[in-house]
Amino acid sequence: MMDAIRKYLISLCAAALLCALVRALVPGGRMKKLCSLLCGIFLMTAALSGISGWQLSDFAQELSKMQVAAEQARREEAEQREIQIRQLVRQNMLLEEQNLIQWSRYNSFYPRYYRHPYWW
C-alpha cells in the first residue's frame, strides 16, 4: 500500500514538473493562459486517475493491521510498566527490611538516617 502511495506521488510530481517546464517554454499572452489552463486540467486528471485506481478495501486492511499492531504495542508497554513497578516495590521492600528506608507519613520512602543540614 505504501508503495502505491509512493508511486502516485512520484507520478504527480513528474506531471507537475512537466507542466512547469511547458509553461516556462511557452511565450506570454493568450498562449500562456491557454497553456496554464491545459496544464491545470492535466494535473487534475493525473491526480484523479491515480486515486481512482486505489482499492478502498486495501486501505481498510492496512488500517486494521495498524490498529492491531498499535494495540499489541500498548499491551506490551503496559506489561513492561507493570514489571518495572513490581521491581521497584520489591527493591523498596528489601531496603525497608534492611532498615535503610522507611515510609513517611506522606506515603513516600525516605532514608531512615537522613539528617537535614540545618539539624547538625
Protein backbone atom coordinates (compact mmCIF):
# COMPACT_ATOMS: atom_id res chain seq x y z
CA MET A 1 0.00 0.00 0.00
CA MET A 2 2.77 2.44 0.86
CA ASP A 3 4.40 1.52 -2.43
CA ALA A 4 1.23 2.53 -4.30
CA ILE A 5 1.16 5.88 -2.49
CA ARG A 6 4.83 6.44 -3.30
CA LYS A 7 4.26 5.70 -6.99
CA TYR A 8 1.24 8.01 -7.04
CA LEU A 9 3.18 10.89 -5.50
CA ILE A 10 6.12 10.39 -7.86
CA SER A 11 3.84 10.43 -10.90
CA LEU A 12 2.05 13.53 -9.61
CA CYS A 13 5.36 15.32 -9.09
CA ALA A 14 6.54 14.30 -12.55
CA ALA A 15 3.34 15.69 -14.08
CA ALA A 16 3.78 18.95 -12.15
CA LEU A 17 7.40 19.27 -13.33
CA LEU A 18 6.33 18.60 -16.92
CA CYS A 19 3.66 21.30 -16.68
CA ALA A 20 6.13 23.77 -15.18
CA LEU A 21 8.60 23.08 -17.99
CA VAL A 22 5.96 23.54 -20.67
CA ARG A 23 4.71 26.78 -19.10
CA ALA A 24 8.26 28.10 -18.94
CA LEU A 25 8.83 27.44 -22.65
CA VAL A 26 5.55 28.95 -23.88
CA PRO A 27 5.65 32.65 -24.76
CA GLY A 28 3.43 35.10 -22.81
CA GLY A 29 -0.02 36.35 -23.71
CA ARG A 30 -3.04 34.29 -24.67
CA MET A 31 -0.93 31.24 -25.44
CA LYS A 32 0.47 31.21 -21.87
CA LYS A 33 -3.05 31.47 -20.40
CA LEU A 34 -4.27 28.61 -22.58
CA CYS A 35 -1.23 26.53 -21.63
CA SER A 36 -1.89 27.22 -17.92
CA LEU A 37 -5.48 26.06 -18.32
CA LEU A 38 -4.42 22.87 -20.11
CA CYS A 39 -1.72 22.16 -17.54
CA GLY A 40 -4.27 22.58 -14.73
CA ILE A 41 -6.63 20.15 -16.42
CA PHE A 42 -3.75 17.73 -17.00
CA LEU A 43 -2.70 17.88 -13.33
CA MET A 44 -6.28 17.36 -12.13
CA THR A 45 -6.64 14.37 -14.45
CA ALA A 46 -3.33 12.91 -13.26
CA ALA A 47 -4.34 13.35 -9.61
CA LEU A 48 -7.81 11.85 -10.05
CA SER A 49 -6.69 8.95 -12.23
CA GLY A 50 -4.09 7.95 -9.67
CA ILE A 51 -6.59 7.98 -6.83
CA SER A 52 -9.30 6.17 -8.80
CA GLY A 53 -7.07 3.09 -9.17
CA TRP A 54 -6.82 2.58 -5.43
CA GLN A 55 -8.88 -0.07 -3.71
CA LEU A 56 -10.51 1.15 -0.51
CA SER A 57 -10.54 -2.38 0.85
CA ASP A 58 -6.72 -2.28 0.79
CA PHE A 59 -6.81 0.85 2.92
CA ALA A 60 -9.21 -0.81 5.34
CA GLN A 61 -6.96 -3.86 5.63
CA GLU A 62 -3.86 -1.71 6.21
CA LEU A 63 -5.71 0.34 8.81
CA SER A 64 -6.88 -2.75 10.67
CA LYS A 65 -3.33 -4.16 10.64
CA MET A 66 -2.00 -0.89 12.06
CA GLN A 67 -4.68 -0.87 14.76
CA VAL A 68 -3.84 -4.43 15.78
CA ALA A 69 -0.13 -3.58 15.90
CA ALA A 70 -0.82 -0.46 17.98
CA GLU A 71 -2.96 -2.42 20.44
CA GLN A 72 -0.28 -5.08 20.77
CA ALA A 73 2.39 -2.45 21.37
CA ARG A 74 0.18 -0.80 24.01
CA ARG A 75 -0.30 -4.14 25.79
CA GLU A 76 3.43 -4.90 25.71
CA GLU A 77 4.23 -1.45 27.07
CA ALA A 78 1.70 -1.89 29.89
CA GLU A 79 3.23 -5.26 30.78
CA GLN A 80 6.72 -3.75 30.85
CA ARG A 81 5.50 -0.91 33.06
CA GLU A 82 3.87 -3.41 35.44
CA ILE A 83 7.12 -5.40 35.65
CA GLN A 84 9.09 -2.24 36.40
CA ILE A 85 6.64 -1.22 39.13
CA ARG A 86 6.89 -4.68 40.72
CA GLN A 87 10.68 -4.48 40.65
CA LEU A 88 10.65 -1.07 42.30
CA VAL A 89 8.27 -2.25 45.01
CA ARG A 90 10.44 -5.32 45.67
CA GLN A 91 13.55 -3.16 45.82
CA ASN A 92 11.91 -0.74 48.26
CA MET A 93 10.66 -3.63 50.41
CA LEU A 94 14.17 -5.07 50.58
CA LEU A 95 15.59 -1.71 51.57
CA GLU A 96 12.91 -1.33 54.21
CA GLU A 97 13.72 -4.78 55.60
CA GLN A 98 17.36 -3.78 55.85
CA ASN A 99 16.31 -0.70 57.86
CA LEU A 100 17.73 1.64 55.24
CA ILE A 101 14.49 3.39 54.34
CA GLN A 102 11.10 3.87 55.92
CA TRP A 103 7.70 5.18 54.94
CA SER A 104 6.95 8.79 55.65
CA ARG A 105 3.53 10.00 56.66
CA TYR A 106 3.25 11.45 53.16
CA ASN A 107 3.28 7.97 51.55
CA SER A 108 6.80 8.05 50.20
CA PHE A 109 10.08 6.40 51.10
CA TYR A 110 12.92 8.34 52.67
CA PRO A 111 16.27 7.26 54.12
CA ARG A 112 15.99 6.21 57.76
CA TYR A 113 19.14 8.03 58.82
CA TYR A 114 18.65 11.15 56.82
CA ARG A 115 19.70 14.34 58.56
CA HIS A 116 18.78 17.72 57.32
CA PRO A 117 21.81 20.05 57.04
CA TYR A 118 20.23 22.53 59.47
CA TRP A 119 19.93 19.92 62.22
CA TRP A 120 23.65 19.39 62.67
